[in-house]
């Protein structure tokens, strides 16, 4: 599966952004999906994930209550709605797809990655 993330940009603290990740080349509905982020000088970290059905979602504590992950299996797209953004949310955001078992919080559970989209939150 090929993943293409978009929607990043520059926003002031307290603002909102919506990221999208469009998939092609495979049966999108059979993949679990996740978002990760990597800030300058830091390791890539888990942000949010969603099950195949979309019923189950998972969030990092740092974004819980502010970010919402969702998926549209008809449009082959996964979304990350980000509200109440903080300067600490500044990072490159990556979408990823997982075909097999393993914790969705771990990077090594994902076999496919998008190219990343920059999110910058100014104070």
Protein backbone atom coordinates (compact mmCIF):
# COMPACT_ATOMS: atom_id res chain seq x y z
CA UNK A 1 0.00 0.00 0.00
CA UNK A 2 1.19 3.52 -0.80
CA UNK A 3 0.42 6.34 1.61
CA UNK A 4 0.32 10.08 0.90
CA UNK A 5 -0.04 12.47 3.83
CA UNK A 6 -1.21 16.05 3.47
CA UNK A 7 -2.72 18.93 5.41
CA UNK A 8 0.19 20.16 7.43
CA UNK A 9 1.02 23.81 7.82
CA UNK A 10 1.66 26.68 10.20
CA UNK A 11 -0.90 27.49 12.87
CA UNK A 12 -0.98 29.54 16.04
CA UNK A 13 -1.23 27.89 19.43
CA UNK A 14 -4.83 27.02 20.21
CA UNK A 15 -5.66 26.56 16.56
CA UNK A 16 -6.64 23.49 14.59
CA UNK A 17 -5.38 21.48 11.64
CA UNK A 18 -6.71 18.43 9.86
CA UNK A 19 -4.31 15.93 8.36
CA UNK A 20 -5.27 13.43 5.69
CA UNK A 21 -3.52 10.32 4.45
CA UNK A 22 -4.72 8.80 1.21
CA UNK A 23 -3.89 5.18 0.44
CA UNK A 24 -3.63 3.37 -2.86
CA UNK A 25 -2.47 0.06 -4.21
CA UNK A 26 -4.08 -2.35 -1.79
CA UNK A 27 -7.21 -3.22 0.15
CA UNK A 28 -7.24 -0.24 2.46
CA UNK A 29 -10.00 -1.58 4.66
CA UNK A 30 -7.86 -4.53 5.78
CA UNK A 31 -5.15 -2.34 7.34
CA UNK A 32 -4.92 -0.90 10.78
CA UNK A 33 -3.71 2.69 10.59
CA UNK A 34 -1.70 5.04 12.72
CA UNK A 35 -0.16 8.47 12.98
CA UNK A 36 3.29 9.12 14.38
CA UNK A 37 5.30 12.31 14.69
CA UNK A 38 8.93 13.29 14.90
CA UNK A 39 10.14 16.59 16.30
CA UNK A 40 13.62 17.94 15.51
CA UNK A 41 16.24 16.10 17.50
CA UNK A 42 13.74 13.62 18.92
CA UNK A 43 12.70 10.08 18.15
CA UNK A 44 9.56 9.33 16.22
CA UNK A 45 6.66 8.81 18.60
CA UNK A 46 3.18 7.35 18.52
CA UNK A 47 0.27 9.78 18.22
CA UNK A 48 -2.89 7.86 17.39
CA UNK A 49 -4.14 4.63 15.80
CA UNK A 50 -7.37 3.13 14.57
CA UNK A 51 -8.58 -0.40 14.05
CA UNK A 52 -9.67 -1.94 10.75
CA UNK A 53 -13.34 -1.29 11.52
CA UNK A 54 -12.72 2.14 12.93
CA UNK A 55 -14.47 1.21 16.16
CA UNK A 56 -11.32 1.15 18.29
CA UNK A 57 -9.02 4.14 18.58
CA UNK A 58 -5.88 4.72 20.59
CA UNK A 59 -4.11 7.92 21.58
CA UNK A 60 -0.90 9.06 23.19
CA UNK A 61 -1.56 10.69 26.54
CA UNK A 62 -0.12 13.95 25.23
CA UNK A 63 -2.85 14.32 22.58
CA UNK A 64 -5.80 12.60 24.23
CA UNK A 65 -8.83 14.86 24.23
CA UNK A 66 -7.34 17.17 21.59
CA UNK A 67 -6.74 14.90 18.57
CA UNK A 68 -9.19 12.60 16.82
CA UNK A 69 -8.30 9.85 14.38
CA UNK A 70 -10.86 8.56 11.91
CA UNK A 71 -10.97 6.62 8.68
CA UNK A 72 -13.12 6.43 5.57
CA UNK A 73 -12.82 3.00 3.97
CA UNK A 74 -14.69 4.18 0.88
CA UNK A 75 -12.32 7.09 0.24
CA UNK A 76 -9.29 5.03 1.36
CA UNK A 77 -8.27 7.85 3.68
CA UNK A 78 -7.32 8.20 7.32
CA UNK A 79 -7.64 11.54 9.08
CA UNK A 80 -6.16 13.22 12.12
CA UNK A 81 -8.13 16.17 13.42
CA UNK A 82 -5.91 18.24 15.71
CA UNK A 83 -7.47 20.84 18.00
CA UNK A 84 -6.06 23.06 20.75
CA UNK A 85 -2.63 22.78 19.21
CA UNK A 86 0.42 23.57 21.29
CA UNK A 87 3.98 24.50 20.29
CA UNK A 88 5.01 21.06 21.57
CA UNK A 89 2.93 19.49 18.79
CA UNK A 90 5.37 20.87 16.21
CA UNK A 91 6.75 17.92 14.26
CA UNK A 92 6.67 16.04 11.00
CA UNK A 93 3.60 13.83 11.08
CA UNK A 94 3.64 10.42 9.42
CA UNK A 95 0.80 8.08 8.62
CA UNK A 96 1.41 4.35 8.66
CA UNK A 97 -0.40 1.12 7.86
CA UNK A 98 -0.25 -2.21 9.64
CA UNK A 99 -1.38 -5.45 8.03
CA UNK A 100 -0.51 -7.86 10.78
CA UNK A 101 -0.71 -8.23 14.54
CA UNK A 102 1.35 -6.31 17.07
CA UNK A 103 0.84 -3.30 19.26
CA UNK A 104 -0.38 -0.30 17.28
CA UNK A 105 1.66 1.90 19.60
CA UNK A 106 4.92 0.44 18.27
CA UNK A 107 6.57 1.60 15.07
CA UNK A 108 7.71 -1.91 14.21
CA UNK A 109 4.09 -3.05 13.90
CA UNK A 110 3.75 -0.93 10.77
CA UNK A 111 5.08 -2.06 7.42
CA UNK A 112 4.08 0.93 5.33
CA UNK A 113 4.77 4.61 5.85
CA UNK A 114 3.80 7.87 4.18
CA UNK A 115 6.30 10.62 3.43
CA UNK A 116 5.35 12.94 6.30
CA UNK A 117 3.79 16.37 6.51
CA UNK A 118 5.15 19.27 8.56
CA UNK A 119 3.05 20.77 11.34
CA UNK A 120 4.35 23.93 12.98
CA UNK A 121 2.59 25.53 15.93
CA UNK A 122 3.69 29.04 16.85
CA UNK A 123 3.33 30.49 20.33
